[in-house]
Structures are given as structure tokens and as C-alpha cells.
Amino acid sequence: MDIASTTTQTLQPSTTIKAADTKAISSDFETFLKLLTTQISNQDPMDPMKAEEFAVQLATFSSVEQQVKTNELLTQMTSTGGEFAAYTSWIGREVQATTALAFNGSTIELAPAPATRGEVHQLVVRAESGDEVDRITIDGAGAPVYWTGLTAAGAAPFGSYSFEVESFTNNELIGVEPVAGYARVTEVQRTPDGATLVLEGGGKIAAADIAAVRDPG
């Protein structure tokens, strides 16, 4: 039995490697191993395989093994690389994120969700320490809110701030909801959990948690 003549699948250049191709090559690889093992185990001890034939079959073995590994690597690269490259196009653009946002003197646009309960709704701004620095009554209809950083105590210092809406009925607090806002993307990082966006001011958020992307206005 001539193992060297066993047909193997050739990896064709492609931007997308199909899972079926990987399965087929892996199957050929396992079949090759079985055939080679069977041939060695059953060869005639009085007429063993010639060294040249054995060398050819080992070379084929190595080629098939390398082909499988290459195919797996290409599959991994095409499944994650394209997605990561798409996220890099967000650099310099603004994303809507429910996370702490950096205030550097410029107005921050917020996107509170429409309130589902309560009669009075107030936007609460908190510093990184958790202390309340500002409170603004809003209509709860979901219209954009623009925070300028000007509070009753004066201009808020530069830093990181989080936003939430507190809803009241008969002066009783009945709900608190985090508020998303827009921030500019300065970097995209590849992490074990997927792409992570670095926002202006240093904050980070998973790309999967972004609700909207837009050009700076």
C-alpha cells in the first residue's frame, strides 16, 4: 500500500476559511495516521519498507500536519481579524456608552432612556468618588440632555463623571436608571473577551456594549 499517494486537500487562497474545509483536512490527517501506522505494523520483517519510502511518507505526514495547523490559524484570524479591523474605524468617532465619561470643559451630550414610571425625573451627576455634584430636573421623555459642567457650586473640575436618572412619585424615590452619553474613541484594544474601546479621558468599555456610533458633531 502506497501511503505517499494518499490524496490530501489543498488549501486554496481565500479571505474566508470555511469550517467544512478544516474538518475535511483534519479527517484526511487522521486517516493518514491510521494508514501509516497500519503499514508499519504489518510490513514484512523480511522485506521492510525502504528508507527512501519511509522518508517520503514522513515528509507527507509533516506536510499534512502543518496544513491543518495553518488552516486553524487562518480560520482564527479571519473570524476575529475582520471584526477587530471594523472596530478600528471607530477611532475618532463618538460612541454612545453607559459608563463614566470624562469632562474636560466641553459639553457632554447624554441620552437618557424614556422614563417608564414616576412623575418627576432628575438627572444626577456624580463624581468619581460617588459624591453628587449636580442635579437637574428633566422631562423623562427621552430627549437628549446637555451637561455643561456648570453647577450651583460653580464649574465642575475636570474629571470622570457618571450619570443617572432618579424618578419620584409623591416625593418618593421609585427608580434609578443609569444614563448613557457620547464620548470620542481614541484607541481600540484586542482583549481575550473581545475588542475594547478606550474613550477620551482613559475610560474603557467593551465594543459589544456600545449602543450607537456617529461622526463628531
N, C-alpha and C. Protein backbone atom coordinates (compact mmCIF):
# COMPACT_ATOMS: atom_id res chain seq x y z
N MET A 1 0.85 -1.20 0.00
CA MET A 1 0.00 0.00 0.00
C MET A 1 0.88 1.23 0.00
N ASP A 2 0.65 2.18 -0.95
CA ASP A 2 1.49 3.35 -1.07
C ASP A 2 0.83 4.53 -0.38
N ILE A 3 1.32 4.83 0.83
CA ILE A 3 0.71 5.91 1.60
C ILE A 3 1.01 7.26 0.96
N ALA A 4 2.17 7.36 0.29
CA ALA A 4 2.56 8.65 -0.28
C ALA A 4 1.58 9.14 -1.33
N SER A 5 0.82 8.22 -1.90
CA SER A 5 -0.13 8.62 -2.94
C SER A 5 -1.49 9.01 -2.38
N THR A 6 -1.65 8.95 -1.04
CA THR A 6 -2.93 9.30 -0.43
C THR A 6 -3.29 10.74 -0.76
N THR A 7 -4.50 10.96 -1.21
CA THR A 7 -4.92 12.30 -1.61
C THR A 7 -5.18 13.16 -0.38
N THR A 8 -4.64 14.39 -0.37
CA THR A 8 -4.91 15.34 0.70
C THR A 8 -5.50 16.60 0.09
N GLN A 9 -6.25 17.34 0.90
CA GLN A 9 -6.91 18.54 0.42
C GLN A 9 -5.94 19.69 0.43
N THR A 10 -5.89 20.44 -0.67
CA THR A 10 -5.01 21.60 -0.77
C THR A 10 -5.77 22.84 -0.37
N LEU A 11 -5.15 23.66 0.52
CA LEU A 11 -5.77 24.88 1.00
C LEU A 11 -5.71 25.93 -0.10
N GLN A 12 -6.86 26.37 -0.57
CA GLN A 12 -6.91 27.38 -1.61
C GLN A 12 -6.93 28.76 -0.98
N PRO A 13 -6.26 29.74 -1.62
CA PRO A 13 -6.29 31.11 -1.09
C PRO A 13 -7.71 31.61 -1.00
N SER A 14 -8.06 32.19 0.14
CA SER A 14 -9.41 32.70 0.32
C SER A 14 -9.41 33.65 1.48
N THR A 15 -10.28 34.62 1.44
CA THR A 15 -10.38 35.56 2.55
C THR A 15 -11.16 34.98 3.69
N THR A 16 -11.94 33.91 3.42
CA THR A 16 -12.72 33.26 4.46
C THR A 16 -12.48 31.76 4.40
N ILE A 17 -12.02 31.15 5.48
CA ILE A 17 -11.78 29.72 5.53
C ILE A 17 -13.01 29.06 6.14
N LYS A 18 -13.63 28.15 5.41
CA LYS A 18 -14.87 27.54 5.89
C LYS A 18 -14.58 26.45 6.90
N ALA A 19 -15.48 26.28 7.85
CA ALA A 19 -15.32 25.25 8.88
C ALA A 19 -15.29 23.87 8.24
N ALA A 20 -16.03 23.69 7.15
CA ALA A 20 -16.07 22.39 6.49
C ALA A 20 -14.71 22.02 5.93
N ASP A 21 -13.94 23.03 5.45
CA ASP A 21 -12.60 22.76 4.92
C ASP A 21 -11.69 22.24 6.02
N THR A 22 -11.74 22.88 7.20
CA THR A 22 -10.92 22.45 8.33
C THR A 22 -11.26 21.02 8.73
N LYS A 23 -12.55 20.70 8.76
CA LYS A 23 -12.98 19.36 9.14
C LYS A 23 -12.48 18.32 8.14
N ALA A 24 -12.52 18.68 6.83
CA ALA A 24 -12.09 17.74 5.80
C ALA A 24 -10.59 17.47 5.90
N ILE A 25 -9.81 18.53 6.10
CA ILE A 25 -8.36 18.35 6.20
C ILE A 25 -8.00 17.55 7.45
N SER A 26 -8.66 17.86 8.56
CA SER A 26 -8.40 17.12 9.79
C SER A 26 -8.73 15.65 9.61
N SER A 27 -9.82 15.35 8.87
CA SER A 27 -10.20 13.97 8.61
C SER A 27 -9.14 13.26 7.78
N ASP A 28 -8.63 13.94 6.75
CA ASP A 28 -7.55 13.37 5.94
C ASP A 28 -6.32 13.08 6.79
N PHE A 29 -6.03 13.99 7.71
CA PHE A 29 -4.86 13.84 8.58
C PHE A 29 -5.00 12.61 9.47
N GLU A 30 -6.18 12.41 10.06
CA GLU A 30 -6.39 11.25 10.92
C GLU A 30 -6.34 9.95 10.10
N THR A 31 -6.90 9.99 8.90
CA THR A 31 -6.84 8.81 8.03
C THR A 31 -5.40 8.46 7.67
N PHE A 32 -4.62 9.49 7.39
CA PHE A 32 -3.20 9.27 7.06
C PHE A 32 -2.47 8.58 8.21
N LEU A 33 -2.72 9.04 9.43
CA LEU A 33 -2.06 8.45 10.59
C LEU A 33 -2.41 6.97 10.71
N LYS A 34 -3.69 6.65 10.52
CA LYS A 34 -4.13 5.25 10.64
C LYS A 34 -3.48 4.38 9.57
N LEU A 35 -3.43 4.89 8.35
CA LEU A 35 -2.84 4.13 7.26
C LEU A 35 -1.34 3.90 7.47
N LEU A 36 -0.65 4.94 7.91
CA LEU A 36 0.79 4.82 8.12
C LEU A 36 1.09 3.84 9.25
N THR A 37 0.31 3.94 10.34
CA THR A 37 0.51 3.03 11.47
C THR A 37 0.25 1.59 11.06
N THR A 38 -0.81 1.38 10.29
CA THR A 38 -1.14 0.03 9.82
C THR A 38 -0.05 -0.53 8.92
N GLN A 39 0.47 0.31 8.05
CA GLN A 39 1.51 -0.15 7.13
C GLN A 39 2.78 -0.56 7.87
N ILE A 40 3.19 0.26 8.86
CA ILE A 40 4.40 -0.05 9.62
C ILE A 40 4.20 -1.32 10.44
N SER A 41 3.01 -1.46 11.02
CA SER A 41 2.74 -2.61 11.88
C SER A 41 2.69 -3.92 11.10
N ASN A 42 2.30 -3.85 9.84
CA ASN A 42 2.09 -5.08 9.06
C ASN A 42 3.13 -5.29 7.95
N GLN A 43 4.21 -4.54 7.98
CA GLN A 43 5.20 -4.75 6.93
C GLN A 43 5.94 -6.08 7.14
N ASP A 44 6.41 -6.63 6.06
CA ASP A 44 7.12 -7.90 6.08
C ASP A 44 8.50 -7.70 6.70
N PRO A 45 8.78 -8.35 7.86
CA PRO A 45 10.09 -8.16 8.50
C PRO A 45 11.25 -8.61 7.61
N MET A 46 10.95 -9.50 6.65
CA MET A 46 12.00 -9.96 5.74
C MET A 46 12.18 -8.98 4.57
N ASP A 47 11.20 -8.10 4.39
CA ASP A 47 11.29 -7.13 3.31
C ASP A 47 10.71 -5.80 3.80
N PRO A 48 11.39 -5.16 4.76
CA PRO A 48 10.86 -3.93 5.36
C PRO A 48 10.83 -2.78 4.37
N MET A 49 10.10 -1.76 4.76
CA MET A 49 9.99 -0.58 3.94
C MET A 49 11.36 0.05 3.71
N LYS A 50 11.61 0.46 2.50
CA LYS A 50 12.88 1.10 2.20
C LYS A 50 12.96 2.46 2.88
N ALA A 51 14.17 2.84 3.24
CA ALA A 51 14.38 4.11 3.94
C ALA A 51 13.85 5.28 3.13
N GLU A 52 14.03 5.22 1.80
CA GLU A 52 13.57 6.33 0.95
C GLU A 52 12.04 6.46 1.01
N GLU A 53 11.36 5.31 0.98
CA GLU A 53 9.90 5.34 1.03
C GLU A 53 9.41 5.88 2.37
N PHE A 54 10.08 5.44 3.42
CA PHE A 54 9.70 5.89 4.75
C PHE A 54 9.89 7.41 4.88
N ALA A 55 11.00 7.91 4.31
CA ALA A 55 11.29 9.34 4.37
C ALA A 55 10.22 10.14 3.63
N VAL A 56 9.79 9.63 2.47
CA VAL A 56 8.76 10.31 1.69
C VAL A 56 7.45 10.38 2.48
N GLN A 57 7.09 9.30 3.13
CA GLN A 57 5.84 9.26 3.87
C GLN A 57 5.90 10.13 5.12
N LEU A 58 7.06 10.19 5.76
CA LEU A 58 7.22 11.10 6.90
C LEU A 58 7.10 12.55 6.46
N ALA A 59 7.64 12.85 5.27
CA ALA A 59 7.53 14.21 4.74
C ALA A 59 6.07 14.56 4.47
N THR A 60 5.33 13.59 3.94
CA THR A 60 3.90 13.79 3.70
C THR A 60 3.16 14.01 5.01
N PHE A 61 3.52 13.20 5.99
CA PHE A 61 2.94 13.34 7.34
C PHE A 61 3.14 14.76 7.87
N SER A 62 4.38 15.25 7.77
CA SER A 62 4.70 16.59 8.26
C SER A 62 3.93 17.65 7.50
N SER A 63 3.79 17.46 6.18
CA SER A 63 3.08 18.43 5.35
C SER A 63 1.61 18.52 5.73
N VAL A 64 1.00 17.36 5.93
CA VAL A 64 -0.42 17.35 6.30
C VAL A 64 -0.62 18.00 7.67
N GLU A 65 0.27 17.68 8.62
CA GLU A 65 0.17 18.26 9.96
C GLU A 65 0.28 19.77 9.91
N GLN A 66 1.24 20.28 9.13
CA GLN A 66 1.43 21.72 9.02
C GLN A 66 0.24 22.38 8.34
N GLN A 67 -0.34 21.68 7.38
CA GLN A 67 -1.50 22.20 6.67
C GLN A 67 -2.68 22.39 7.60
N VAL A 68 -2.91 21.41 8.48
CA VAL A 68 -4.00 21.51 9.44
C VAL A 68 -3.78 22.68 10.39
N LYS A 69 -2.56 22.83 10.89
CA LYS A 69 -2.26 23.93 11.82
C LYS A 69 -2.43 25.29 11.13
N THR A 70 -1.97 25.38 9.89
CA THR A 70 -2.10 26.63 9.14
C THR A 70 -3.57 26.98 8.92
N ASN A 71 -4.36 25.96 8.59
CA ASN A 71 -5.79 26.18 8.36
C ASN A 71 -6.49 26.68 9.62
N GLU A 72 -6.13 26.10 10.78
CA GLU A 72 -6.73 26.53 12.04
C GLU A 72 -6.36 27.97 12.35
N LEU A 73 -5.09 28.33 12.09
CA LEU A 73 -4.64 29.69 12.35
C LEU A 73 -5.36 30.69 11.45
N LEU A 74 -5.49 30.36 10.17
CA LEU A 74 -6.19 31.25 9.24
C LEU A 74 -7.66 31.41 9.61
N THR A 75 -8.27 30.32 10.07
CA THR A 75 -9.66 30.39 10.50
C THR A 75 -9.82 31.34 11.67
N GLN A 76 -8.90 31.24 12.63
CA GLN A 76 -8.94 32.13 13.79
C GLN A 76 -8.74 33.58 13.38
N MET A 77 -7.80 33.80 12.47
CA MET A 77 -7.51 35.17 12.05
C MET A 77 -8.67 35.80 11.30
N THR A 78 -9.30 35.03 10.42
CA THR A 78 -10.40 35.58 9.63
C THR A 78 -11.66 35.78 10.45
N SER A 79 -11.82 34.98 11.52
CA SER A 79 -13.02 35.11 12.34
C SER A 79 -12.95 36.29 13.29
N THR A 80 -11.74 36.71 13.68
CA THR A 80 -11.59 37.81 14.64
C THR A 80 -10.97 39.05 14.03
N GLY A 81 -10.12 38.85 13.03
CA GLY A 81 -9.41 39.99 12.47
C GLY A 81 -10.33 40.97 11.78
N GLY A 82 -11.29 40.47 11.01
CA GLY A 82 -12.19 41.36 10.29
C GLY A 82 -13.03 42.19 11.25
N GLU A 83 -13.50 41.56 12.31
CA GLU A 83 -14.30 42.27 13.30
C GLU A 83 -13.47 43.34 13.99
N PHE A 84 -12.21 43.00 14.35
CA PHE A 84 -11.35 43.96 15.02
C PHE A 84 -11.05 45.14 14.10
N ALA A 85 -10.78 44.85 12.83
CA ALA A 85 -10.49 45.91 11.87
C ALA A 85 -11.68 46.86 11.73
N ALA A 86 -12.89 46.31 11.79
CA ALA A 86 -14.09 47.15 11.69
C ALA A 86 -14.16 48.11 12.87
N TYR A 87 -13.80 47.63 14.06
CA TYR A 87 -13.85 48.50 15.24
C TYR A 87 -12.81 49.62 15.17
N THR A 88 -11.69 49.38 14.51
CA THR A 88 -10.68 50.44 14.42
C THR A 88 -11.19 51.64 13.64
N SER A 89 -12.20 51.43 12.79
CA SER A 89 -12.77 52.55 12.06
C SER A 89 -13.54 53.49 12.98
N TRP A 90 -13.78 53.07 14.22
CA TRP A 90 -14.48 53.92 15.18
C TRP A 90 -13.56 54.93 15.84
N ILE A 91 -12.26 54.79 15.68
CA ILE A 91 -11.32 55.72 16.30
C ILE A 91 -11.57 57.13 15.75
N GLY A 92 -11.72 58.09 16.64
CA GLY A 92 -12.01 59.46 16.25
C GLY A 92 -13.49 59.75 16.16
N ARG A 93 -14.32 58.71 16.22
CA ARG A 93 -15.77 58.91 16.18
C ARG A 93 -16.32 58.88 17.60
N GLU A 94 -17.59 59.24 17.73
CA GLU A 94 -18.24 59.26 19.03
C GLU A 94 -19.14 58.03 19.18
N VAL A 95 -19.10 57.43 20.36
CA VAL A 95 -19.96 56.28 20.64
C VAL A 95 -20.84 56.59 21.84
N GLN A 96 -21.99 55.95 21.84
CA GLN A 96 -22.91 56.10 22.98
C GLN A 96 -22.63 54.97 23.96
N ALA A 97 -22.20 55.34 25.16
CA ALA A 97 -21.79 54.34 26.14
C ALA A 97 -22.39 54.64 27.50
N THR A 98 -22.84 53.59 28.18
CA THR A 98 -23.32 53.73 29.55
C THR A 98 -22.15 53.44 30.46
N THR A 99 -21.37 54.47 30.72
CA THR A 99 -20.16 54.35 31.53
C THR A 99 -19.78 55.73 32.03
N ALA A 100 -18.82 55.81 32.92
CA ALA A 100 -18.33 57.10 33.37
C ALA A 100 -17.69 57.82 32.19
N LEU A 101 -17.94 59.13 32.08
CA LEU A 101 -17.44 59.91 30.96
C LEU A 101 -16.52 61.02 31.46
N ALA A 102 -15.53 61.35 30.64
CA ALA A 102 -14.56 62.38 31.02
C ALA A 102 -15.10 63.76 30.69
N PHE A 103 -14.99 64.68 31.65
CA PHE A 103 -15.36 66.08 31.43
C PHE A 103 -14.09 66.90 31.38
N ASN A 104 -13.89 67.62 30.25
CA ASN A 104 -12.69 68.43 30.09
C ASN A 104 -13.02 69.89 29.78
N GLY A 105 -14.22 70.28 30.15
CA GLY A 105 -14.66 71.64 29.88
C GLY A 105 -15.66 71.73 28.75
N SER A 106 -15.73 70.67 27.93
CA SER A 106 -16.67 70.64 26.81
C SER A 106 -17.98 70.00 27.25
N THR A 107 -19.08 70.45 26.66
CA THR A 107 -20.40 69.92 26.99
C THR A 107 -20.50 68.44 26.65
N ILE A 108 -21.10 67.66 27.57
CA ILE A 108 -21.32 66.24 27.35
C ILE A 108 -22.78 66.02 26.98
N GLU A 109 -23.00 65.34 25.84
CA GLU A 109 -24.36 65.02 25.43
C GLU A 109 -24.76 63.68 26.05
N LEU A 110 -25.91 63.68 26.72
CA LEU A 110 -26.42 62.48 27.37
C LEU A 110 -27.68 62.00 26.67
N ALA A 111 -27.92 60.70 26.76
CA ALA A 111 -29.08 60.10 26.08
C ALA A 111 -29.89 59.28 27.07
N PRO A 112 -30.63 59.94 27.97
CA PRO A 112 -31.46 59.18 28.92
C PRO A 112 -32.58 58.44 28.21
N ALA A 113 -32.89 57.24 28.69
CA ALA A 113 -33.99 56.48 28.11
C ALA A 113 -35.32 57.09 28.57
N PRO A 114 -36.37 56.96 27.79
CA PRO A 114 -37.68 57.46 28.23
C PRO A 114 -38.08 56.79 29.55
N ALA A 115 -38.56 57.58 30.47
CA ALA A 115 -38.96 57.05 31.77
C ALA A 115 -40.23 56.20 31.63
N THR A 116 -40.27 55.11 32.33
CA THR A 116 -41.44 54.23 32.28
C THR A 116 -42.31 54.35 33.53
N ARG A 117 -41.83 55.06 34.51
CA ARG A 117 -42.63 55.25 35.72
C ARG A 117 -42.14 56.51 36.43
N GLY A 118 -42.97 56.99 37.33
CA GLY A 118 -42.62 58.19 38.07
C GLY A 118 -43.22 59.44 37.47
N GLU A 119 -43.35 60.48 38.31
CA GLU A 119 -43.93 61.76 37.89
C GLU A 119 -42.88 62.84 37.73
N VAL A 120 -41.82 62.74 38.50
CA VAL A 120 -40.73 63.71 38.44
C VAL A 120 -39.43 62.96 38.21
N HIS A 121 -38.61 63.51 37.32
CA HIS A 121 -37.36 62.82 36.94
C HIS A 121 -36.20 63.81 37.04
N GLN A 122 -35.14 63.38 37.68
CA GLN A 122 -33.99 64.25 37.89
C GLN A 122 -32.71 63.55 37.44
N LEU A 123 -31.92 64.27 36.63
CA LEU A 123 -30.61 63.78 36.23
C LEU A 123 -29.64 64.08 37.36
N VAL A 124 -28.96 63.04 37.83
CA VAL A 124 -27.99 63.19 38.91
C VAL A 124 -26.59 62.94 38.36
N VAL A 125 -25.69 63.87 38.63
CA VAL A 125 -24.31 63.77 38.18
C VAL A 125 -23.43 63.47 39.39
N ARG A 126 -22.60 62.43 39.27
CA ARG A 126 -21.75 62.05 40.39
C ARG A 126 -20.28 62.05 39.97
N ALA A 127 -19.44 62.51 40.88
CA ALA A 127 -18.00 62.49 40.65
C ALA A 127 -17.48 61.07 40.79
N GLU A 128 -16.22 60.86 40.47
CA GLU A 128 -15.63 59.53 40.55
C GLU A 128 -15.71 58.97 41.96
N SER A 129 -15.72 59.85 42.97
CA SER A 129 -15.82 59.43 44.36
C SER A 129 -17.22 58.94 44.72
N GLY A 130 -18.20 59.22 43.85
CA GLY A 130 -19.58 58.86 44.13
C GLY A 130 -20.39 60.01 44.69
N ASP A 131 -19.73 61.13 44.99
CA ASP A 131 -20.42 62.30 45.54
C ASP A 131 -21.26 62.98 44.46
N GLU A 132 -22.44 63.44 44.85
CA GLU A 132 -23.31 64.15 43.92
C GLU A 132 -22.77 65.56 43.70
N VAL A 133 -22.64 65.96 42.41
CA VAL A 133 -22.13 67.29 42.10
C VAL A 133 -23.17 68.15 41.39
N ASP A 134 -24.22 67.53 40.87
CA ASP A 134 -25.23 68.30 40.18
C ASP A 134 -26.52 67.50 40.10
N ARG A 135 -27.66 68.23 40.02
CA ARG A 135 -28.97 67.60 39.91
C ARG A 135 -29.84 68.50 39.05
N ILE A 136 -30.41 67.93 37.98
CA ILE A 136 -31.18 68.71 37.02
C ILE A 136 -32.51 67.99 36.77
N THR A 137 -33.62 68.72 36.85
CA THR A 137 -34.92 68.14 36.55
C THR A 137 -35.10 68.05 35.03
N ILE A 138 -35.51 66.87 34.56
CA ILE A 138 -35.73 66.66 33.13
C ILE A 138 -37.16 66.16 32.92
N ASP A 139 -37.58 66.11 31.65
CA ASP A 139 -39.00 65.75 31.41
C ASP A 139 -39.26 64.25 31.37
N GLY A 140 -38.22 63.44 31.25
CA GLY A 140 -38.42 61.99 31.24
C GLY A 140 -38.90 61.44 29.92
N ALA A 141 -38.93 62.29 28.88
CA ALA A 141 -39.43 61.84 27.57
C ALA A 141 -38.35 61.16 26.74
N GLY A 142 -37.11 61.23 27.20
CA GLY A 142 -36.02 60.62 26.45
C GLY A 142 -35.27 61.57 25.55
N ALA A 143 -35.53 62.86 25.68
CA ALA A 143 -34.84 63.85 24.85
C ALA A 143 -33.39 63.97 25.32
N PRO A 144 -32.46 64.31 24.41
CA PRO A 144 -31.06 64.48 24.81
C PRO A 144 -30.92 65.56 25.88
N VAL A 145 -29.96 65.38 26.75
CA VAL A 145 -29.65 66.34 27.80
C VAL A 145 -28.19 66.73 27.65
N TYR A 146 -27.91 68.02 27.77
CA TYR A 146 -26.55 68.51 27.59
C TYR A 146 -26.02 69.05 28.92
N TRP A 147 -24.97 68.39 29.42
CA TRP A 147 -24.39 68.81 30.69
C TRP A 147 -23.15 69.65 30.41
N THR A 148 -23.20 70.90 30.84
CA THR A 148 -22.12 71.85 30.56
C THR A 148 -21.04 71.84 31.63
N GLY A 149 -21.33 71.23 32.78
CA GLY A 149 -20.38 71.26 33.88
C GLY A 149 -20.56 72.43 34.81
N LEU A 150 -21.52 73.31 34.48
CA LEU A 150 -21.80 74.45 35.35
C LEU A 150 -22.85 74.03 36.39
N THR A 151 -22.47 74.03 37.65
CA THR A 151 -23.35 73.61 38.74
C THR A 151 -23.66 74.78 39.65
N ALA A 152 -24.53 74.56 40.62
CA ALA A 152 -24.86 75.60 41.58
C ALA A 152 -23.64 76.04 42.37
N ALA A 153 -22.65 75.16 42.48
CA ALA A 153 -21.43 75.48 43.23
C ALA A 153 -20.33 76.03 42.32
N GLY A 154 -20.63 76.21 41.03
CA GLY A 154 -19.63 76.71 40.09
C GLY A 154 -19.27 75.65 39.06
N ALA A 155 -18.24 75.91 38.32
CA ALA A 155 -17.81 74.99 37.27
C ALA A 155 -17.24 73.72 37.90
N ALA A 156 -17.67 72.58 37.39
CA ALA A 156 -17.17 71.30 37.89
C ALA A 156 -15.72 71.11 37.45
N PRO A 157 -14.88 70.56 38.30
CA PRO A 157 -13.49 70.32 37.90
C PRO A 157 -13.41 69.24 36.83
N PHE A 158 -12.34 69.29 36.06
CA PHE A 158 -12.14 68.25 35.06
C PHE A 158 -12.02 66.90 35.76
N GLY A 159 -12.57 65.89 35.13
CA GLY A 159 -12.50 64.56 35.73
C GLY A 159 -13.52 63.63 35.12
N SER A 160 -13.75 62.51 35.78
CA SER A 160 -14.66 61.47 35.30
C SER A 160 -15.97 61.56 36.08
N TYR A 161 -17.09 61.53 35.35
CA TYR A 161 -18.41 61.66 35.96
C TYR A 161 -19.36 60.59 35.44
N SER A 162 -20.23 60.14 36.32
CA SER A 162 -21.27 59.18 35.92
C SER A 162 -22.62 59.86 36.05
N PHE A 163 -23.61 59.33 35.33
CA PHE A 163 -24.92 59.99 35.24
C PHE A 163 -26.02 58.96 35.44
N GLU A 164 -27.09 59.39 36.12
CA GLU A 164 -28.24 58.52 36.34
C GLU A 164 -29.48 59.37 36.48
N VAL A 165 -30.62 58.74 36.25
CA VAL A 165 -31.90 59.44 36.41
C VAL A 165 -32.64 58.83 37.58
N GLU A 166 -33.04 59.67 38.51
CA GLU A 166 -33.86 59.25 39.65
C GLU A 166 -35.30 59.66 39.37
N SER A 167 -36.23 58.73 39.55
CA SER A 167 -37.65 59.01 39.30
C SER A 167 -38.41 58.98 40.62
N PHE A 168 -39.34 59.94 40.77
CA PHE A 168 -40.07 60.09 42.03
C PHE A 168 -41.58 60.12 41.77
N THR A 169 -42.33 59.59 42.72
CA THR A 169 -43.79 59.72 42.76
C THR A 169 -44.16 60.12 44.19
N ASN A 170 -44.89 61.26 44.29
CA ASN A 170 -45.25 61.79 45.62
C ASN A 170 -44.00 61.97 46.49
N ASN A 171 -42.93 62.49 45.86
CA ASN A 171 -41.66 62.76 46.54
C ASN A 171 -40.96 61.50 47.04
N GLU A 172 -41.40 60.34 46.58
CA GLU A 172 -40.76 59.08 46.97
C GLU A 172 -39.95 58.53 45.79
N LEU A 173 -38.71 58.20 46.05
CA LEU A 173 -37.85 57.65 45.01
C LEU A 173 -38.34 56.25 44.64
N ILE A 174 -38.66 56.06 43.36
CA ILE A 174 -39.19 54.75 42.95
C ILE A 174 -38.32 54.07 41.90
N GLY A 175 -37.28 54.75 41.42
CA GLY A 175 -36.43 54.12 40.42
C GLY A 175 -35.18 54.92 40.11
N VAL A 176 -34.10 54.20 39.79
CA VAL A 176 -32.83 54.83 39.40
C VAL A 176 -32.31 54.10 38.17
N GLU A 177 -32.03 54.84 37.10
CA GLU A 177 -31.56 54.25 35.87
C GLU A 177 -30.26 54.94 35.41
N PRO A 178 -29.24 54.16 35.04
CA PRO A 178 -28.02 54.77 34.51
C PRO A 178 -28.30 55.44 33.17
N VAL A 179 -27.50 56.45 32.87
CA VAL A 179 -27.70 57.22 31.65
C VAL A 179 -26.47 57.10 30.75
N ALA A 180 -26.72 56.85 29.48
CA ALA A 180 -25.64 56.78 28.51
C ALA A 180 -25.28 58.17 28.02
N GLY A 181 -24.05 58.29 27.53
CA GLY A 181 -23.61 59.56 26.96
C GLY A 181 -22.65 59.30 25.83
N TYR A 182 -22.31 60.36 25.11
CA TYR A 182 -21.41 60.23 23.97
C TYR A 182 -19.98 60.61 24.35
N ALA A 183 -19.04 59.81 23.84
CA ALA A 183 -17.62 60.08 24.09
C ALA A 183 -16.83 59.68 22.85
N ARG A 184 -15.70 60.32 22.63
CA ARG A 184 -14.88 60.04 21.45
C ARG A 184 -13.97 58.85 21.73
N VAL A 185 -13.80 57.98 20.73
CA VAL A 185 -12.93 56.82 20.83
C VAL A 185 -11.51 57.22 20.44
N THR A 186 -10.54 56.89 21.29
CA THR A 186 -9.15 57.23 21.00
C THR A 186 -8.30 56.00 20.66
N GLU A 187 -8.79 54.81 21.01
CA GLU A 187 -8.00 53.60 20.78
C GLU A 187 -8.91 52.38 20.82
N VAL A 188 -8.52 51.33 20.10
CA VAL A 188 -9.21 50.05 20.16
C VAL A 188 -8.19 48.99 20.57
N GLN A 189 -8.52 48.20 21.58
CA GLN A 189 -7.61 47.17 22.09
C GLN A 189 -8.22 45.79 21.90
N ARG A 190 -7.35 44.83 21.55
CA ARG A 190 -7.80 43.44 21.44
C ARG A 190 -7.58 42.77 22.80
N THR A 191 -8.62 42.20 23.37
CA THR A 191 -8.54 41.53 24.67
C THR A 191 -9.11 40.12 24.54
N PRO A 192 -8.86 39.25 25.53
CA PRO A 192 -9.42 37.90 25.47
C PRO A 192 -10.94 37.88 25.38
N ASP A 193 -11.58 38.94 25.88
CA ASP A 193 -13.04 39.00 25.85
C ASP A 193 -13.58 39.72 24.62
N GLY A 194 -12.69 40.11 23.71
CA GLY A 194 -13.13 40.82 22.51
C GLY A 194 -12.54 42.22 22.45
N ALA A 195 -13.01 43.01 21.50
CA ALA A 195 -12.50 44.36 21.32
C ALA A 195 -12.96 45.26 22.45
N THR A 196 -12.02 46.08 22.95
CA THR A 196 -12.32 47.06 24.00
C THR A 196 -11.99 48.45 23.47
N LEU A 197 -12.89 49.40 23.67
CA LEU A 197 -12.69 50.77 23.21
C LEU A 197 -12.14 51.61 24.35
N VAL A 198 -11.13 52.41 24.05
CA VAL A 198 -10.60 53.38 25.01
C VAL A 198 -11.20 54.73 24.64
N LEU A 199 -11.87 55.34 25.58
CA LEU A 199 -12.55 56.61 25.34
C LEU A 199 -11.68 57.79 25.75
N GLU A 200 -12.02 58.95 25.23
CA GLU A 200 -11.30 60.16 25.60
C GLU A 200 -11.35 60.34 27.11
N GLY A 201 -10.21 60.50 27.71
CA GLY A 201 -10.13 60.60 29.17
C GLY A 201 -9.64 59.32 29.81
N GLY A 202 -9.55 58.22 29.00
CA GLY A 202 -8.98 56.98 29.51
C GLY A 202 -9.97 55.91 29.88
N GLY A 203 -11.27 56.21 29.88
CA GLY A 203 -12.26 55.19 30.22
C GLY A 203 -12.30 54.09 29.18
N LYS A 204 -12.70 52.89 29.59
CA LYS A 204 -12.75 51.75 28.68
C LYS A 204 -14.13 51.10 28.73
N ILE A 205 -14.54 50.55 27.59
CA ILE A 205 -15.82 49.85 27.52
C ILE A 205 -15.74 48.82 26.40
N ALA A 206 -16.39 47.68 26.60
CA ALA A 206 -16.41 46.65 25.58
C ALA A 206 -17.17 47.14 24.35
N ALA A 207 -16.63 46.83 23.18
CA ALA A 207 -17.28 47.26 21.94
C ALA A 207 -18.70 46.73 21.85
N ALA A 208 -18.93 45.55 22.41
CA ALA A 208 -20.27 44.94 22.35
C ALA A 208 -21.30 45.73 23.16
N ASP A 209 -20.84 46.61 24.07
CA ASP A 209 -21.75 47.37 24.92
C ASP A 209 -22.10 48.74 24.34
N ILE A 210 -21.62 49.02 23.13
CA ILE A 210 -21.89 50.32 22.51
C ILE A 210 -23.27 50.30 21.86
N ALA A 211 -24.04 51.36 22.11
CA ALA A 211 -25.41 51.42 21.58
C ALA A 211 -25.49 52.15 20.26
N ALA A 212 -24.54 53.07 19.99
CA ALA A 212 -24.59 53.85 18.76
C ALA A 212 -23.20 54.42 18.46
N VAL A 213 -22.96 54.67 17.17
CA VAL A 213 -21.71 55.28 16.72
C VAL A 213 -22.05 56.40 15.76
N ARG A 214 -21.35 57.52 15.87
CA ARG A 214 -21.64 58.66 14.98
C ARG A 214 -20.36 59.47 14.75
N ASP A 215 -20.38 60.28 13.71
CA ASP A 215 -19.27 61.20 13.47
C ASP A 215 -19.40 62.36 14.45
N PRO A 216 -18.27 62.93 14.88
CA PRO A 216 -18.35 64.06 15.82
C PRO A 216 -19.16 65.20 15.22
N GLY A 217 -20.03 65.78 16.05
CA GLY A 217 -20.87 66.87 15.56
C GLY A 217 -20.33 68.21 16.00
